[in-house]
């Protein structure tokens, strides 16, 4: 699937009806990353502090690779 070729109206409808998941470790759900699993294997990721900005869209494979990198520690900030 090419997420860049998705119909804009479909994406907007999906985001309007999305069920956003927030980490249980967040401070009231207002200072964290939120994720929504959309149809067609699309995953949306947004910053709860900036809801006016469009979310980042990933394919399932891209999202799995991102989460895998986090779990393996590949995305840690380099030591200074």
N, C-alpha and C. Protein backbone atom coordinates (compact mmCIF):
# COMPACT_ATOMS: atom_id res chain seq x y z
N UNK A 1 0.83 -1.18 0.00
CA UNK A 1 0.00 0.00 0.00
C UNK A 1 0.88 1.25 0.00
N UNK A 2 0.48 2.21 -0.79
CA UNK A 2 1.18 3.49 -0.82
C UNK A 2 0.35 4.48 -0.02
N UNK A 3 0.79 4.78 1.20
CA UNK A 3 0.00 5.67 2.07
C UNK A 3 -0.09 7.08 1.50
N UNK A 4 0.84 7.46 0.63
CA UNK A 4 0.82 8.80 0.04
C UNK A 4 -0.25 8.93 -1.05
N UNK A 5 -0.80 7.80 -1.50
CA UNK A 5 -1.81 7.82 -2.54
C UNK A 5 -3.22 7.67 -1.97
N UNK A 6 -3.36 7.72 -0.65
CA UNK A 6 -4.67 7.58 -0.03
C UNK A 6 -5.55 8.78 -0.34
N UNK A 7 -6.82 8.53 -0.54
CA UNK A 7 -7.79 9.58 -0.80
C UNK A 7 -7.91 10.48 0.42
N UNK A 8 -7.78 11.78 0.21
CA UNK A 8 -7.81 12.75 1.31
C UNK A 8 -9.11 12.67 2.10
N UNK A 9 -10.24 12.52 1.42
CA UNK A 9 -11.54 12.44 2.11
C UNK A 9 -11.59 11.19 2.99
N UNK A 10 -11.03 10.08 2.50
CA UNK A 10 -11.01 8.85 3.30
C UNK A 10 -10.16 9.05 4.55
N UNK A 11 -8.98 9.65 4.39
CA UNK A 11 -8.10 9.90 5.54
C UNK A 11 -8.80 10.80 6.55
N UNK A 12 -9.42 11.87 6.09
CA UNK A 12 -10.11 12.78 7.00
C UNK A 12 -11.23 12.08 7.76
N UNK A 13 -11.99 11.23 7.08
CA UNK A 13 -13.07 10.48 7.74
C UNK A 13 -12.49 9.50 8.76
N UNK A 14 -11.41 8.84 8.40
CA UNK A 14 -10.77 7.90 9.32
C UNK A 14 -10.28 8.62 10.58
N UNK A 15 -9.65 9.77 10.40
CA UNK A 15 -9.12 10.52 11.54
C UNK A 15 -10.23 11.09 12.40
N UNK A 16 -11.32 11.52 11.77
CA UNK A 16 -12.46 12.07 12.52
C UNK A 16 -13.07 11.01 13.44
N UNK A 17 -13.11 9.76 12.96
CA UNK A 17 -13.73 8.67 13.72
C UNK A 17 -12.71 7.81 14.48
N UNK A 18 -11.46 8.21 14.46
CA UNK A 18 -10.38 7.40 15.05
C UNK A 18 -10.54 7.26 16.56
N UNK A 19 -10.13 6.11 17.04
CA UNK A 19 -10.04 5.87 18.48
C UNK A 19 -8.56 5.99 18.85
N UNK A 20 -8.22 7.08 19.52
CA UNK A 20 -6.83 7.37 19.85
C UNK A 20 -6.45 6.67 21.15
N UNK A 21 -5.29 6.05 21.15
CA UNK A 21 -4.76 5.35 22.33
C UNK A 21 -3.63 6.19 22.91
N UNK A 22 -3.67 6.33 24.23
CA UNK A 22 -2.68 7.12 24.96
C UNK A 22 -1.98 6.23 25.96
N UNK A 23 -0.71 6.39 26.12
CA UNK A 23 0.05 5.61 27.09
C UNK A 23 -0.53 5.77 28.49
N UNK A 24 -0.57 4.69 29.22
CA UNK A 24 -1.05 4.75 30.61
C UNK A 24 -0.06 5.50 31.49
N UNK A 25 1.13 5.77 30.99
CA UNK A 25 2.14 6.49 31.76
C UNK A 25 2.07 8.00 31.54
N UNK A 26 1.15 8.45 30.68
CA UNK A 26 1.08 9.88 30.39
C UNK A 26 0.45 10.63 31.56
N UNK A 27 0.67 11.93 31.56
CA UNK A 27 0.13 12.78 32.63
C UNK A 27 -1.23 13.33 32.20
N UNK A 28 -2.25 12.54 32.36
CA UNK A 28 -3.59 12.97 32.00
C UNK A 28 -3.88 12.99 30.52
N UNK A 29 -3.02 12.39 29.71
CA UNK A 29 -3.25 12.32 28.28
C UNK A 29 -3.02 13.62 27.53
N UNK A 30 -2.35 14.57 28.15
CA UNK A 30 -2.16 15.86 27.49
C UNK A 30 -0.71 16.16 27.12
N UNK A 31 0.19 15.26 27.37
CA UNK A 31 1.60 15.52 27.10
C UNK A 31 2.27 14.24 26.62
N UNK A 32 1.76 13.71 25.50
CA UNK A 32 2.28 12.42 25.08
C UNK A 32 2.00 12.18 23.59
N UNK A 33 2.43 11.05 23.14
CA UNK A 33 2.16 10.60 21.79
C UNK A 33 0.91 9.73 21.84
N UNK A 34 0.05 9.90 20.84
CA UNK A 34 -1.15 9.08 20.74
C UNK A 34 -1.12 8.34 19.41
N UNK A 35 -1.71 7.15 19.39
CA UNK A 35 -1.74 6.32 18.19
C UNK A 35 -3.17 5.89 17.91
N UNK A 36 -3.50 5.81 16.62
CA UNK A 36 -4.80 5.29 16.19
C UNK A 36 -4.56 4.31 15.06
N UNK A 37 -5.22 3.18 15.13
CA UNK A 37 -5.10 2.15 14.10
C UNK A 37 -6.30 2.27 13.17
N UNK A 38 -6.03 2.72 11.95
CA UNK A 38 -7.07 2.98 10.96
C UNK A 38 -7.26 1.76 10.08
N UNK A 39 -8.27 1.83 9.22
CA UNK A 39 -8.50 0.75 8.26
C UNK A 39 -7.38 0.74 7.21
N UNK A 40 -7.37 -0.30 6.40
CA UNK A 40 -6.41 -0.45 5.29
C UNK A 40 -4.96 -0.52 5.76
N UNK A 41 -4.74 -0.89 7.02
CA UNK A 41 -3.37 -1.04 7.50
C UNK A 41 -2.63 0.26 7.66
N UNK A 42 -3.35 1.31 8.03
CA UNK A 42 -2.75 2.63 8.24
C UNK A 42 -2.74 2.92 9.74
N UNK A 43 -1.63 3.46 10.22
CA UNK A 43 -1.48 3.83 11.62
C UNK A 43 -1.20 5.33 11.67
N UNK A 44 -1.94 6.03 12.53
CA UNK A 44 -1.75 7.48 12.69
C UNK A 44 -1.09 7.74 14.04
N UNK A 45 -0.15 8.64 14.06
CA UNK A 45 0.59 9.00 15.27
C UNK A 45 0.55 10.52 15.41
N UNK A 46 0.16 11.01 16.62
CA UNK A 46 0.06 12.45 16.83
C UNK A 46 0.58 12.83 18.20
N UNK A 47 0.86 14.12 18.35
CA UNK A 47 1.30 14.71 19.60
C UNK A 47 0.07 15.32 20.28
N UNK A 48 -0.23 14.88 21.48
CA UNK A 48 -1.44 15.35 22.16
C UNK A 48 -1.40 16.84 22.50
N UNK A 49 -0.22 17.44 22.46
CA UNK A 49 -0.10 18.88 22.72
C UNK A 49 -0.39 19.71 21.47
N UNK A 50 -0.36 19.09 20.31
CA UNK A 50 -0.51 19.81 19.04
C UNK A 50 -1.58 19.15 18.17
N UNK A 51 -2.79 19.09 18.66
CA UNK A 51 -3.86 18.42 17.94
C UNK A 51 -4.27 19.14 16.66
N UNK A 52 -3.85 20.39 16.50
CA UNK A 52 -4.16 21.13 15.29
C UNK A 52 -3.25 20.73 14.13
N UNK A 53 -2.17 20.04 14.42
CA UNK A 53 -1.26 19.58 13.38
C UNK A 53 -1.70 18.19 12.90
N UNK A 54 -1.54 17.91 11.61
CA UNK A 54 -1.94 16.59 11.12
C UNK A 54 -1.04 15.49 11.68
N UNK A 55 -1.61 14.32 11.93
CA UNK A 55 -0.79 13.22 12.44
C UNK A 55 0.11 12.66 11.35
N UNK A 56 1.14 11.97 11.78
CA UNK A 56 2.01 11.23 10.86
C UNK A 56 1.31 9.93 10.54
N UNK A 57 1.34 9.53 9.27
CA UNK A 57 0.72 8.27 8.86
C UNK A 57 1.80 7.26 8.50
N UNK A 58 1.59 6.04 8.95
CA UNK A 58 2.52 4.94 8.71
C UNK A 58 1.74 3.75 8.16
N UNK A 59 2.40 2.92 7.38
CA UNK A 59 1.83 1.61 7.07
C UNK A 59 2.04 0.73 8.30
N UNK A 60 1.35 -0.40 8.35
CA UNK A 60 1.55 -1.32 9.46
C UNK A 60 3.03 -1.74 9.56
N UNK A 61 3.65 -2.02 8.41
CA UNK A 61 5.05 -2.45 8.41
C UNK A 61 5.97 -1.34 8.94
N UNK A 62 5.73 -0.10 8.53
CA UNK A 62 6.54 1.02 9.01
C UNK A 62 6.37 1.20 10.52
N UNK A 63 5.13 1.11 10.99
CA UNK A 63 4.87 1.27 12.42
C UNK A 63 5.54 0.14 13.21
N UNK A 64 5.44 -1.09 12.72
CA UNK A 64 6.08 -2.22 13.40
C UNK A 64 7.60 -2.02 13.46
N UNK A 65 8.20 -1.52 12.37
CA UNK A 65 9.64 -1.26 12.37
C UNK A 65 9.99 -0.16 13.37
N UNK A 66 9.17 0.87 13.45
CA UNK A 66 9.39 1.97 14.40
C UNK A 66 9.34 1.46 15.84
N UNK A 67 8.30 0.73 16.17
CA UNK A 67 8.15 0.17 17.52
C UNK A 67 9.28 -0.81 17.82
N UNK A 68 9.64 -1.62 16.84
CA UNK A 68 10.75 -2.56 17.03
C UNK A 68 12.05 -1.84 17.34
N UNK A 69 12.29 -0.72 16.64
CA UNK A 69 13.49 0.07 16.91
C UNK A 69 13.50 0.64 18.31
N UNK A 70 12.33 1.07 18.78
CA UNK A 70 12.23 1.55 20.16
C UNK A 70 12.53 0.43 21.14
N UNK A 71 11.91 -0.72 20.92
CA UNK A 71 12.09 -1.85 21.84
C UNK A 71 13.53 -2.34 21.88
N UNK A 72 14.23 -2.25 20.76
CA UNK A 72 15.63 -2.69 20.70
C UNK A 72 16.61 -1.60 21.15
N UNK A 73 16.09 -0.41 21.46
CA UNK A 73 16.95 0.67 21.91
C UNK A 73 17.66 1.41 20.80
N UNK A 74 17.25 1.19 19.56
CA UNK A 74 17.91 1.81 18.42
C UNK A 74 17.61 3.30 18.29
N UNK A 75 16.57 3.76 18.94
CA UNK A 75 16.16 5.16 18.79
C UNK A 75 16.47 6.01 20.01
N UNK A 76 17.35 5.52 20.83
CA UNK A 76 17.76 6.31 21.99
C UNK A 76 18.64 7.47 21.56
N UNK A 77 18.56 8.54 22.33
CA UNK A 77 19.40 9.71 22.07
C UNK A 77 20.86 9.32 22.30
N UNK A 78 21.75 9.70 21.39
CA UNK A 78 23.18 9.38 21.59
C UNK A 78 23.71 10.07 22.85
N UNK A 79 24.62 9.39 23.49
CA UNK A 79 25.26 10.01 24.67
C UNK A 79 26.12 11.17 24.22
N UNK A 80 26.15 12.19 25.02
CA UNK A 80 26.95 13.38 24.68
C UNK A 80 28.32 13.30 25.26
